[in-house]
Amino acid sequence: MDTEITHAADRDRYVLTVDGSPVGKALYTDDGATRTFVHTEVDPQFGGHGLGTQLVAFAVADARAAGKSVDATCPLVAAYLLKNPA
């Protein structure tokens, strides 16, 4: 299984692909220096492989590398942030 995560900044999302097909996304809004993650989903057929966590980890790290503080209304991202504070 070949996975890739890309930042589609023009669409305010991070996209997870498996073998070239999109299977997940993390949606966000930017408000100045804060990036708020509002929704994350992974196709159910790919559940249980840790892909959601990989997607969130990449997205959070990318936002922080861009100098953004990170907030979440998405439960998956909020749980990740509790376990991985800045």
N, C-alpha and C. Protein backbone atom coordinates (compact mmCIF):
# COMPACT_ATOMS: atom_id res chain seq x y z
N MET A 1 0.86 -1.17 0.00
CA MET A 1 0.00 0.00 0.00
C MET A 1 0.90 1.23 0.00
N ASP A 2 0.83 2.01 -1.07
CA ASP A 2 1.63 3.21 -1.22
C ASP A 2 0.79 4.42 -0.83
N THR A 3 1.14 5.07 0.29
CA THR A 3 0.37 6.22 0.77
C THR A 3 1.14 7.51 0.54
N GLU A 4 0.38 8.57 0.33
CA GLU A 4 0.95 9.91 0.16
C GLU A 4 -0.03 10.92 0.74
N ILE A 5 0.51 11.95 1.38
CA ILE A 5 -0.31 13.04 1.91
C ILE A 5 0.17 14.33 1.28
N THR A 6 -0.76 15.10 0.75
CA THR A 6 -0.42 16.38 0.13
C THR A 6 -1.29 17.48 0.74
N HIS A 7 -0.77 18.69 0.65
CA HIS A 7 -1.50 19.87 1.13
C HIS A 7 -2.10 20.57 -0.07
N ALA A 8 -3.40 20.57 -0.16
CA ALA A 8 -4.12 21.29 -1.22
C ALA A 8 -4.56 22.64 -0.63
N ALA A 9 -3.61 23.56 -0.53
CA ALA A 9 -3.86 24.84 0.13
C ALA A 9 -4.98 25.62 -0.55
N ASP A 10 -5.12 25.49 -1.85
CA ASP A 10 -6.17 26.21 -2.57
C ASP A 10 -7.56 25.70 -2.22
N ARG A 11 -7.63 24.52 -1.59
CA ARG A 11 -8.91 23.94 -1.19
C ARG A 11 -9.02 23.79 0.33
N ASP A 12 -8.05 24.34 1.08
CA ASP A 12 -8.06 24.30 2.55
C ASP A 12 -8.20 22.87 3.08
N ARG A 13 -7.32 22.00 2.59
CA ARG A 13 -7.38 20.60 3.02
C ARG A 13 -6.06 19.88 2.79
N TYR A 14 -5.90 18.80 3.51
CA TYR A 14 -4.82 17.85 3.28
C TYR A 14 -5.48 16.60 2.72
N VAL A 15 -4.85 16.00 1.73
CA VAL A 15 -5.44 14.85 1.05
C VAL A 15 -4.54 13.63 1.22
N LEU A 16 -5.14 12.53 1.61
CA LEU A 16 -4.46 11.25 1.76
C LEU A 16 -4.81 10.39 0.56
N THR A 17 -3.79 9.87 -0.13
CA THR A 17 -4.03 8.96 -1.24
C THR A 17 -3.38 7.62 -0.93
N VAL A 18 -4.01 6.57 -1.41
CA VAL A 18 -3.47 5.22 -1.34
C VAL A 18 -3.42 4.69 -2.76
N ASP A 19 -2.22 4.32 -3.17
CA ASP A 19 -2.01 3.83 -4.53
C ASP A 19 -2.59 4.79 -5.56
N GLY A 20 -2.44 6.10 -5.31
CA GLY A 20 -2.86 7.13 -6.25
C GLY A 20 -4.31 7.56 -6.17
N SER A 21 -5.12 6.91 -5.35
CA SER A 21 -6.53 7.27 -5.23
C SER A 21 -6.79 7.98 -3.90
N PRO A 22 -7.54 9.09 -3.92
CA PRO A 22 -7.84 9.79 -2.67
C PRO A 22 -8.75 8.94 -1.78
N VAL A 23 -8.33 8.80 -0.51
CA VAL A 23 -9.12 8.00 0.43
C VAL A 23 -9.37 8.75 1.74
N GLY A 24 -8.82 9.94 1.89
CA GLY A 24 -9.02 10.68 3.13
C GLY A 24 -8.71 12.15 2.96
N LYS A 25 -9.21 12.94 3.92
CA LYS A 25 -8.94 14.37 3.89
C LYS A 25 -9.07 14.95 5.29
N ALA A 26 -8.34 16.03 5.50
CA ALA A 26 -8.42 16.82 6.73
C ALA A 26 -8.71 18.25 6.30
N LEU A 27 -9.87 18.75 6.67
CA LEU A 27 -10.31 20.09 6.26
C LEU A 27 -10.00 21.09 7.37
N TYR A 28 -9.67 22.31 6.97
CA TYR A 28 -9.33 23.33 7.95
C TYR A 28 -9.77 24.70 7.49
N THR A 29 -9.75 25.65 8.43
CA THR A 29 -9.92 27.06 8.14
C THR A 29 -8.73 27.80 8.74
N ASP A 30 -8.32 28.84 8.10
CA ASP A 30 -7.26 29.69 8.63
C ASP A 30 -7.86 31.02 9.06
N ASP A 31 -7.44 31.47 10.22
CA ASP A 31 -7.85 32.77 10.74
C ASP A 31 -6.58 33.43 11.27
N GLY A 32 -5.94 34.20 10.43
CA GLY A 32 -4.68 34.81 10.82
C GLY A 32 -3.62 33.76 11.07
N ALA A 33 -3.11 33.72 12.28
CA ALA A 33 -2.03 32.81 12.63
C ALA A 33 -2.53 31.48 13.19
N THR A 34 -3.84 31.24 13.12
CA THR A 34 -4.40 30.00 13.66
C THR A 34 -5.02 29.16 12.55
N ARG A 35 -4.67 27.89 12.53
CA ARG A 35 -5.29 26.92 11.63
C ARG A 35 -6.18 26.02 12.48
N THR A 36 -7.47 26.03 12.19
CA THR A 36 -8.44 25.21 12.91
C THR A 36 -8.88 24.06 12.02
N PHE A 37 -8.65 22.85 12.50
CA PHE A 37 -9.07 21.66 11.76
C PHE A 37 -10.51 21.36 12.13
N VAL A 38 -11.37 21.28 11.10
CA VAL A 38 -12.80 21.17 11.33
C VAL A 38 -13.37 19.79 11.02
N HIS A 39 -12.70 19.01 10.20
CA HIS A 39 -13.22 17.69 9.84
C HIS A 39 -12.11 16.84 9.25
N THR A 40 -12.09 15.58 9.65
CA THR A 40 -11.14 14.61 9.10
C THR A 40 -11.90 13.33 8.81
N GLU A 41 -11.63 12.75 7.66
CA GLU A 41 -12.27 11.48 7.34
C GLU A 41 -11.34 10.61 6.50
N VAL A 42 -11.49 9.31 6.70
CA VAL A 42 -10.78 8.31 5.90
C VAL A 42 -11.83 7.30 5.47
N ASP A 43 -11.77 6.90 4.21
CA ASP A 43 -12.70 5.90 3.68
C ASP A 43 -12.74 4.69 4.61
N PRO A 44 -13.93 4.25 5.02
CA PRO A 44 -14.04 3.14 5.98
C PRO A 44 -13.28 1.88 5.58
N GLN A 45 -13.15 1.61 4.29
CA GLN A 45 -12.44 0.39 3.89
C GLN A 45 -10.95 0.45 4.23
N PHE A 46 -10.45 1.64 4.59
CA PHE A 46 -9.05 1.79 4.97
C PHE A 46 -8.90 2.02 6.47
N GLY A 47 -9.98 1.85 7.21
CA GLY A 47 -9.95 2.03 8.65
C GLY A 47 -9.11 0.97 9.34
N GLY A 48 -8.60 1.31 10.51
CA GLY A 48 -7.84 0.36 11.31
C GLY A 48 -6.39 0.20 10.92
N HIS A 49 -5.92 1.03 10.00
CA HIS A 49 -4.52 0.96 9.56
C HIS A 49 -3.70 2.15 10.05
N GLY A 50 -4.30 3.01 10.86
CA GLY A 50 -3.60 4.18 11.37
C GLY A 50 -3.46 5.30 10.36
N LEU A 51 -4.18 5.23 9.25
CA LEU A 51 -4.05 6.25 8.21
C LEU A 51 -4.59 7.60 8.67
N GLY A 52 -5.66 7.60 9.46
CA GLY A 52 -6.19 8.86 9.98
C GLY A 52 -5.18 9.57 10.87
N THR A 53 -4.50 8.81 11.70
CA THR A 53 -3.47 9.39 12.57
C THR A 53 -2.31 9.91 11.74
N GLN A 54 -1.91 9.18 10.71
CA GLN A 54 -0.83 9.66 9.84
C GLN A 54 -1.22 10.96 9.16
N LEU A 55 -2.45 11.03 8.68
CA LEU A 55 -2.95 12.23 8.02
C LEU A 55 -2.93 13.42 8.98
N VAL A 56 -3.45 13.22 10.18
CA VAL A 56 -3.50 14.29 11.17
C VAL A 56 -2.09 14.72 11.59
N ALA A 57 -1.21 13.76 11.82
CA ALA A 57 0.16 14.10 12.23
C ALA A 57 0.84 14.94 11.16
N PHE A 58 0.67 14.57 9.91
CA PHE A 58 1.27 15.34 8.82
C PHE A 58 0.69 16.75 8.77
N ALA A 59 -0.64 16.84 8.83
CA ALA A 59 -1.31 18.14 8.73
C ALA A 59 -0.92 19.08 9.87
N VAL A 60 -0.89 18.55 11.08
CA VAL A 60 -0.51 19.37 12.24
C VAL A 60 0.95 19.82 12.12
N ALA A 61 1.84 18.92 11.77
CA ALA A 61 3.25 19.27 11.62
C ALA A 61 3.44 20.31 10.53
N ASP A 62 2.71 20.17 9.44
CA ASP A 62 2.82 21.13 8.34
C ASP A 62 2.32 22.51 8.76
N ALA A 63 1.21 22.54 9.47
CA ALA A 63 0.67 23.82 9.95
C ALA A 63 1.64 24.50 10.90
N ARG A 64 2.20 23.72 11.80
CA ARG A 64 3.17 24.30 12.76
C ARG A 64 4.43 24.78 12.04
N ALA A 65 4.88 24.03 11.04
CA ALA A 65 6.06 24.44 10.27
C ALA A 65 5.81 25.74 9.52
N ALA A 66 4.55 26.00 9.19
CA ALA A 66 4.17 27.25 8.52
C ALA A 66 3.98 28.39 9.50
N GLY A 67 4.23 28.12 10.79
CA GLY A 67 4.12 29.16 11.81
C GLY A 67 2.71 29.35 12.36
N LYS A 68 1.82 28.42 12.07
CA LYS A 68 0.44 28.53 12.55
C LYS A 68 0.30 27.86 13.92
N SER A 69 -0.51 28.46 14.77
CA SER A 69 -0.94 27.72 15.95
C SER A 69 -2.08 26.82 15.49
N VAL A 70 -2.29 25.73 16.18
CA VAL A 70 -3.25 24.73 15.73
C VAL A 70 -4.36 24.58 16.76
N ASP A 71 -5.59 24.57 16.25
CA ASP A 71 -6.77 24.36 17.07
C ASP A 71 -7.63 23.33 16.33
N ALA A 72 -8.61 22.78 17.02
CA ALA A 72 -9.44 21.77 16.37
C ALA A 72 -10.86 21.76 16.90
N THR A 73 -11.81 21.66 15.99
CA THR A 73 -13.17 21.30 16.34
C THR A 73 -13.41 19.85 15.92
N CYS A 74 -12.53 19.31 15.12
CA CYS A 74 -12.58 17.90 14.72
C CYS A 74 -12.12 17.03 15.89
N PRO A 75 -12.92 16.07 16.31
CA PRO A 75 -12.55 15.23 17.46
C PRO A 75 -11.24 14.45 17.27
N LEU A 76 -10.98 13.97 16.06
CA LEU A 76 -9.76 13.21 15.83
C LEU A 76 -8.53 14.10 16.01
N VAL A 77 -8.57 15.29 15.47
CA VAL A 77 -7.45 16.22 15.61
C VAL A 77 -7.32 16.68 17.06
N ALA A 78 -8.44 16.94 17.71
CA ALA A 78 -8.40 17.36 19.12
C ALA A 78 -7.74 16.29 19.98
N ALA A 79 -8.09 15.02 19.75
CA ALA A 79 -7.48 13.93 20.51
C ALA A 79 -5.98 13.84 20.22
N TYR A 80 -5.60 14.04 18.97
CA TYR A 80 -4.19 14.00 18.61
C TYR A 80 -3.43 15.12 19.34
N LEU A 81 -4.01 16.31 19.37
CA LEU A 81 -3.36 17.44 20.03
C LEU A 81 -3.19 17.21 21.53
N LEU A 82 -4.14 16.55 22.16
CA LEU A 82 -4.01 16.24 23.59
C LEU A 82 -2.83 15.30 23.84
N LYS A 83 -2.62 14.36 22.94
CA LYS A 83 -1.52 13.40 23.10
C LYS A 83 -0.19 13.96 22.62
N ASN A 84 -0.24 14.99 21.76
CA ASN A 84 0.97 15.55 21.15
C ASN A 84 0.96 17.06 21.22
N PRO A 85 1.05 17.62 22.44
CA PRO A 85 1.03 19.08 22.56
C PRO A 85 2.28 19.70 21.92
N ALA A 86 2.14 20.93 21.54
CA ALA A 86 3.25 21.65 20.89
C ALA A 86 4.38 21.89 21.86
